Amino acid sequence: MKAKLIILPLIIIPLSSCQKEIKRNSFYFDTYTETRLYEGSENDLKEINNIFSKIDKLTDNYKERDLNNVYKINNSTENVQVEPELYEVLKASFCNCLDPLNYYNPLIGSLSKKWKNSLEKGVILDQESINSELAKMNATTVQFLDENTIKKVGEAEIDLGSVAKGYALDKIKQYLDSKQYTKYLVDAGSSSILLGEKNGCKNFKVKVTNLDNTYLMLKNCFISTSSYDKQAVEIDGVTYSHIINPVNGSAINENDAIIVVSDKGYLGDILSTAFINESLDSIKELEKHYEVKTIVIKNKQMVYKNEGIKVVNK
């Protein structure tokens, strides 16, 4: 077994040094985050970090925190009263508006953990375990009660890993909008990025690292990516991903990487996760339905790019 790095992080080309900039690097969601403000103060950086910290705690499904979180819900048979932010992101994750998506299910938690533990040992998860976890997912429901109260009924575990960073960026954008700031860059570990704009309403230049001389020209949007990363492993010539197909339980993805450009961080993150297992025809239909723009990478080639995304090669 060997780790296989096919990650498709995005690198933001920095602004010119003559522009005022304050920034802060932190560690949340098991990754490094970076906030760059081109207007505002150190107090704004602190408030943004507070948002990252709170959403990180609330969406953690591995351990208890000082707030009732996803781990608490997963390990309780009783009603759990949660913070408004967790109630909101859970409700969005289970929303009926996501029904057209075949490959997104926030009840993937326990199946994902079993795949992770198995792959760490260099072993493919057996079909019996996969079938058992899929049955648990189908038999589990989440009830949304009054006063921000949640009750999970069933054995499957909630996992908000595919939406947490995007949702945190949504809350950060709300904060920046309240301050009437327009010039900023917030990077939640390359897979989820919030862009404002550069001076003079200019685009940011975003490099796609695994594609030679390929840059996206973007501003005032969320960028969400899903791809194989360092958690993926190769066994007998087959690459197994950390992104699990919730329909058949497989850890083999249809596409190598997906980039979604949207105006909602949580939605972009959900769609990039779902699209990693969608066919190209389905992706084209679904991006129209959700009013997003998509890039699909397969075999180290850009096999599809929405015409609304500006790409330069220089």
Protein backbone atom coordinates (compact mmCIF):
# COMPACT_ATOMS: atom_id res chain seq x y z
CA MET A 1 0.00 0.00 0.00
CA LYS A 2 1.18 3.54 -0.66
CA ALA A 3 -0.31 6.94 -0.19
CA LYS A 4 -1.24 8.50 -3.50
CA LEU A 5 -1.30 12.26 -3.71
CA ILE A 6 -3.62 13.48 -6.44
CA ILE A 7 -4.79 16.49 -4.50
CA LEU A 8 -5.98 19.48 -6.47
CA PRO A 9 -5.47 22.42 -4.13
CA LEU A 10 -5.92 25.94 -5.40
CA ILE A 11 -3.23 28.54 -4.86
CA ILE A 12 -4.23 32.20 -4.73
CA ILE A 13 -1.68 34.50 -6.34
CA PRO A 14 -0.99 37.21 -3.71
CA LEU A 15 -1.79 40.85 -4.28
CA SER A 16 0.98 43.31 -4.95
CA SER A 17 2.96 44.26 -1.87
CA CYS A 18 1.96 47.92 -2.14
CA GLN A 19 -1.56 47.13 -0.97
CA LYS A 20 -2.33 47.15 2.73
CA GLU A 21 -2.82 43.65 4.08
CA ILE A 22 -3.41 42.07 7.45
CA LYS A 23 -3.56 38.32 7.75
CA ARG A 24 -3.82 35.43 10.17
CA ASN A 25 -3.09 31.72 9.84
CA SER A 26 -4.85 29.23 12.11
CA PHE A 27 -5.67 25.53 12.35
CA TYR A 28 -9.30 24.40 12.22
CA PHE A 29 -11.16 21.45 10.64
CA ASP A 30 -7.85 19.51 10.74
CA THR A 31 -6.32 21.89 8.21
CA TYR A 32 -4.60 25.28 8.04
CA THR A 33 -6.73 28.30 7.34
CA GLU A 34 -5.63 31.72 6.15
CA THR A 35 -7.47 35.02 6.24
CA ARG A 36 -6.23 38.04 4.30
CA LEU A 37 -8.02 41.35 4.74
CA TYR A 38 -7.22 44.37 2.59
CA GLU A 39 -9.39 46.59 4.76
CA GLY A 40 -10.37 46.21 8.39
CA SER A 41 -8.50 45.58 11.61
CA GLU A 42 -6.89 42.93 13.79
CA ASN A 43 -10.18 42.74 15.67
CA ASP A 44 -11.86 41.62 12.44
CA LEU A 45 -9.31 38.82 12.11
CA LYS A 46 -10.12 37.79 15.67
CA GLU A 47 -13.86 37.71 14.95
CA ILE A 48 -13.30 35.60 11.82
CA ASN A 49 -11.18 33.15 13.82
CA ASN A 50 -13.96 32.96 16.43
CA ILE A 51 -16.37 31.90 13.66
CA PHE A 52 -13.96 29.24 12.42
CA SER A 53 -13.45 27.99 15.96
CA LYS A 54 -17.15 27.75 16.79
CA ILE A 55 -18.17 25.95 13.59
CA ASP A 56 -15.21 23.59 13.97
CA LYS A 57 -16.37 22.64 17.47
CA LEU A 58 -20.02 22.29 16.52
CA THR A 59 -19.43 20.05 13.50
CA ASP A 60 -16.84 17.76 15.12
CA ASN A 61 -18.03 14.15 14.94
CA TYR A 62 -14.95 12.62 16.60
CA LYS A 63 -14.95 14.07 20.11
CA GLU A 64 -16.90 16.08 22.65
CA ARG A 65 -16.32 19.83 22.82
CA ASP A 66 -17.48 22.57 25.16
CA LEU A 67 -20.64 22.95 23.05
CA ASN A 68 -23.20 20.31 22.12
CA ASN A 69 -21.92 19.14 18.77
CA VAL A 70 -22.34 16.44 16.11
CA TYR A 71 -20.44 13.94 18.27
CA LYS A 72 -22.96 14.55 21.08
CA ILE A 73 -25.89 13.98 18.71
CA ASN A 74 -24.33 10.81 17.29
CA ASN A 75 -23.84 9.36 20.75
CA SER A 76 -27.20 10.25 22.26
CA THR A 77 -30.61 8.61 22.06
CA GLU A 78 -32.23 11.68 23.59
CA ASN A 79 -33.15 15.11 22.27
CA VAL A 80 -30.10 17.38 22.03
CA GLN A 81 -30.45 21.14 22.13
CA VAL A 82 -27.75 22.74 19.98
CA GLU A 83 -26.49 26.16 18.98
CA PRO A 84 -28.50 27.92 16.22
CA GLU A 85 -25.57 27.55 13.81
CA LEU A 86 -25.48 23.76 14.13
CA TYR A 87 -29.25 23.52 13.81
CA GLU A 88 -29.06 25.64 10.65
CA VAL A 89 -26.27 23.71 8.94
CA LEU A 90 -27.85 20.36 9.83
CA LYS A 91 -31.19 21.46 8.44
CA ALA A 92 -29.47 22.67 5.26
CA SER A 93 -27.66 19.33 4.94
CA PHE A 94 -30.88 17.34 5.20
CA CYS A 95 -32.93 19.81 3.15
CA ASN A 96 -35.40 18.47 0.60
CA CYS A 97 -33.91 20.90 -1.92
CA LEU A 98 -30.94 18.50 -2.14
CA ASP A 99 -33.15 15.63 -3.32
CA PRO A 100 -31.84 15.70 -6.94
CA LEU A 101 -28.38 14.76 -5.63
CA ASN A 102 -27.64 11.05 -5.78
CA TYR A 103 -24.28 11.13 -4.07
CA TYR A 104 -24.68 13.20 -0.94
CA ASN A 105 -25.80 11.85 2.41
CA PRO A 106 -24.74 13.41 5.75
CA LEU A 107 -25.42 10.07 7.47
CA ILE A 108 -22.23 8.66 5.92
CA GLY A 109 -20.24 9.08 9.17
CA SER A 110 -19.85 5.54 10.47
CA LEU A 111 -19.26 4.10 6.99
CA SER A 112 -16.56 6.72 6.33
CA LYS A 113 -14.86 5.89 9.61
CA LYS A 114 -14.83 2.16 8.78
CA TRP A 115 -13.31 2.85 5.36
CA LYS A 116 -10.69 5.12 6.92
CA ASN A 117 -9.70 2.56 9.54
CA SER A 118 -9.55 -0.19 6.92
CA LEU A 119 -7.45 1.78 4.45
CA GLU A 120 -5.01 2.82 7.17
CA LYS A 121 -4.28 -0.90 7.51
CA GLY A 122 -3.95 -1.31 3.74
CA VAL A 123 -7.11 -3.40 3.54
CA ILE A 124 -10.22 -2.92 1.39
CA LEU A 125 -13.38 -2.76 3.50
CA ASP A 126 -15.38 -5.97 3.12
CA GLN A 127 -18.76 -5.94 1.39
CA GLU A 128 -20.60 -7.28 4.44
CA SER A 129 -19.53 -4.25 6.49
CA ILE A 130 -20.42 -1.90 3.63
CA ASN A 131 -23.91 -3.43 3.30
CA SER A 132 -24.46 -3.24 7.05
CA GLU A 133 -23.58 0.47 7.14
CA LEU A 134 -25.74 1.26 4.10
CA ALA A 135 -28.67 -0.44 5.83
CA LYS A 136 -28.08 1.68 8.94
CA MET A 137 -28.06 4.85 6.79
CA ASN A 138 -31.36 3.91 5.17
CA ALA A 139 -32.93 3.19 8.56
CA THR A 140 -31.76 6.38 10.31
CA THR A 141 -33.62 9.68 10.46
CA VAL A 142 -32.87 13.09 11.97
CA GLN A 143 -35.71 15.03 13.56
CA PHE A 144 -35.70 18.84 13.75
CA LEU A 145 -37.67 19.89 16.82
CA ASP A 146 -38.50 23.26 18.36
CA GLU A 147 -35.92 25.44 20.12
CA ASN A 148 -32.95 24.25 18.06
CA THR A 149 -33.38 20.68 19.25
CA ILE A 150 -32.20 17.65 17.28
CA LYS A 151 -32.97 13.96 17.69
CA LYS A 152 -31.24 11.27 15.68
CA VAL A 153 -33.14 7.99 15.46
CA GLY A 154 -31.02 5.10 14.22
CA GLU A 155 -27.45 3.86 14.29
CA ALA A 156 -25.85 5.72 11.37
CA GLU A 157 -23.64 8.67 12.28
CA ILE A 158 -23.88 12.23 11.00
CA ASP A 159 -20.77 13.58 9.26
CA LEU A 160 -20.67 17.25 8.23
CA GLY A 161 -17.11 17.12 6.92
CA SER A 162 -18.30 17.89 3.40
CA VAL A 163 -20.14 21.05 4.41
CA ALA A 164 -18.55 22.47 7.59
CA LYS A 165 -15.86 24.65 6.01
CA GLY A 166 -18.19 26.05 3.39
CA TYR A 167 -20.77 26.86 6.06
CA ALA A 168 -18.11 28.59 8.17
CA LEU A 169 -17.21 30.71 5.13
CA ASP A 170 -20.90 31.61 4.72
CA LYS A 171 -20.96 32.93 8.29
CA ILE A 172 -17.69 34.78 7.71
CA LYS A 173 -19.08 36.42 4.59
CA GLN A 174 -22.12 37.54 6.58
CA TYR A 175 -19.75 39.17 9.05
CA LEU A 176 -17.69 40.85 6.31
CA ASP A 177 -20.86 42.08 4.61
CA SER A 178 -22.05 43.58 7.90
CA LYS A 179 -18.80 45.58 8.01
CA GLN A 180 -19.22 46.53 4.34
CA TYR A 181 -15.83 45.04 3.47
CA THR A 182 -15.34 43.94 -0.14
CA LYS A 183 -11.59 43.23 -0.39
CA TYR A 184 -10.59 39.95 1.23
CA LEU A 185 -9.54 36.34 0.79
CA VAL A 186 -10.42 33.58 3.26
CA ASP A 187 -8.89 30.16 2.59
CA ALA A 188 -10.26 27.27 4.65
CA GLY A 189 -7.57 24.82 3.66
CA SER A 190 -7.65 25.19 -0.18
CA SER A 191 -10.73 22.99 -0.58
CA SER A 192 -13.05 25.85 0.46
CA ILE A 193 -12.20 29.44 -0.38
CA LEU A 194 -14.08 32.73 -0.09
CA LEU A 195 -13.02 35.52 -2.43
CA GLY A 196 -13.93 39.17 -2.31
CA GLU A 197 -12.15 41.32 -4.83
CA LYS A 198 -8.85 43.07 -5.42
CA ASN A 199 -8.38 46.82 -5.77
CA GLY A 200 -10.23 48.24 -8.74
CA CYS A 201 -12.77 45.38 -8.68
CA LYS A 202 -10.19 43.04 -10.18
CA ASN A 203 -10.19 39.24 -10.17
CA PHE A 204 -7.94 37.03 -8.12
CA LYS A 205 -5.67 34.72 -10.06
CA VAL A 206 -6.21 31.18 -8.76
CA LYS A 207 -3.74 28.48 -9.80
CA VAL A 208 -4.92 24.90 -10.26
CA THR A 209 -1.77 23.15 -9.10
CA ASN A 210 -2.06 19.81 -10.93
CA LEU A 211 -2.76 21.42 -14.29
CA ASP A 212 0.24 23.11 -15.89
CA ASN A 213 -0.08 26.87 -16.34
CA THR A 214 -3.80 26.83 -15.58
CA TYR A 215 -5.31 29.75 -13.68
CA LEU A 216 -8.87 30.70 -12.81
CA MET A 217 -9.77 34.41 -12.79
CA LEU A 218 -12.38 34.85 -10.05
CA LYS A 219 -13.82 37.31 -7.53
CA ASN A 220 -16.83 37.66 -5.22
CA CYS A 221 -17.53 33.95 -4.96
CA PHE A 222 -16.98 30.73 -3.09
CA ILE A 223 -14.69 28.06 -4.56
CA SER A 224 -15.22 24.48 -3.39
CA THR A 225 -13.05 21.55 -4.44
CA SER A 226 -13.18 17.81 -3.88
CA SER A 227 -10.41 15.46 -4.92
CA TYR A 228 -8.23 12.61 -3.80
CA ASP A 229 -5.94 13.82 -1.06
CA LYS A 230 -3.26 12.40 1.22
CA GLN A 231 -5.90 10.20 2.85
CA ALA A 232 -6.32 8.27 -0.40
CA VAL A 233 -4.32 5.07 -0.85
CA GLU A 234 -3.45 2.75 -3.70
CA ILE A 235 -4.00 -0.99 -3.24
CA ASP A 236 -3.22 -3.40 -6.08
CA GLY A 237 -3.18 -0.55 -8.59
CA VAL A 238 -6.56 0.88 -7.53
CA THR A 239 -6.89 4.24 -5.78
CA TYR A 240 -9.31 4.39 -2.86
CA SER A 241 -10.53 7.80 -1.77
CA HIS A 242 -11.63 9.32 1.53
CA ILE A 243 -14.82 10.43 -0.29
CA ILE A 244 -17.28 7.55 0.01
CA ASN A 245 -20.11 6.90 -2.43
CA PRO A 246 -23.26 6.91 -0.23
CA VAL A 247 -25.25 4.88 -2.77
CA ASN A 248 -23.08 1.76 -3.05
CA GLY A 249 -20.53 2.38 -0.27
CA SER A 250 -17.55 2.36 -2.65
CA ALA A 251 -14.38 4.36 -2.03
CA ILE A 252 -13.55 4.53 -5.76
CA ASN A 253 -14.56 7.86 -7.30
CA GLU A 254 -15.91 8.56 -10.78
CA ASN A 255 -13.85 11.74 -11.21
CA ASP A 256 -10.41 12.79 -10.00
CA ALA A 257 -11.41 16.29 -8.90
CA ILE A 258 -14.27 18.75 -8.96
CA ILE A 259 -14.21 22.54 -8.65
CA VAL A 260 -17.50 24.33 -7.96
CA VAL A 261 -17.86 28.12 -8.09
CA SER A 262 -20.97 29.32 -6.27
CA ASP A 263 -22.50 32.10 -4.21
CA LYS A 264 -23.14 29.85 -1.18
CA GLY A 265 -20.23 28.16 0.56
CA TYR A 266 -22.18 25.31 2.13
CA LEU A 267 -23.87 24.45 -1.17
CA GLY A 268 -20.63 24.55 -3.15
CA ASP A 269 -19.02 22.15 -0.68
CA ILE A 270 -21.96 19.74 -0.83
CA LEU A 271 -22.04 19.80 -4.62
CA SER A 272 -18.30 19.30 -5.09
CA THR A 273 -18.54 16.24 -2.82
CA ALA A 274 -21.54 14.85 -4.67
CA PHE A 275 -20.17 15.60 -8.15
CA ILE A 276 -17.01 13.55 -7.53
CA ASN A 277 -19.20 10.48 -8.20
CA GLU A 278 -21.59 11.92 -10.79
CA SER A 279 -21.38 11.35 -14.54
CA LEU A 280 -20.48 14.33 -16.69
CA ASP A 281 -23.98 14.54 -18.16
CA SER A 282 -25.51 14.59 -14.67
CA ILE A 283 -23.08 17.28 -13.52
CA LYS A 284 -24.09 19.52 -16.42
CA GLU A 285 -27.76 19.14 -15.54
CA LEU A 286 -27.24 19.59 -11.81
CA GLU A 287 -25.13 22.72 -12.12
CA LYS A 288 -28.02 24.32 -14.02
CA HIS A 289 -30.45 23.22 -11.32
CA TYR A 290 -28.32 24.69 -8.52
CA GLU A 291 -27.08 27.68 -10.55
CA VAL A 292 -23.38 26.97 -10.00
CA LYS A 293 -20.35 26.70 -12.29
CA THR A 294 -18.24 23.55 -12.41
CA ILE A 295 -14.88 22.25 -13.59
CA VAL A 296 -14.34 18.47 -13.86
CA ILE A 297 -10.85 16.95 -13.79
CA LYS A 298 -10.23 13.38 -14.93
CA ASN A 299 -6.95 11.67 -15.83
CA LYS A 300 -5.17 14.98 -15.14
CA GLN A 301 -7.21 16.70 -17.84
CA MET A 302 -9.91 19.36 -17.60
CA VAL A 303 -12.67 17.36 -19.27
CA TYR A 304 -15.35 19.98 -18.62
CA LYS A 305 -15.41 23.68 -17.78
CA ASN A 306 -18.53 25.79 -17.42
CA GLU A 307 -18.31 28.63 -19.92
CA GLY A 308 -18.91 31.12 -17.12
CA ILE A 309 -15.49 30.41 -15.54
CA LYS A 310 -12.62 32.39 -17.01
CA VAL A 311 -9.44 30.31 -17.40
CA VAL A 312 -6.08 31.65 -18.56
CA ASN A 313 -2.92 29.71 -19.40
CA LYS A 314 0.02 31.91 -18.56
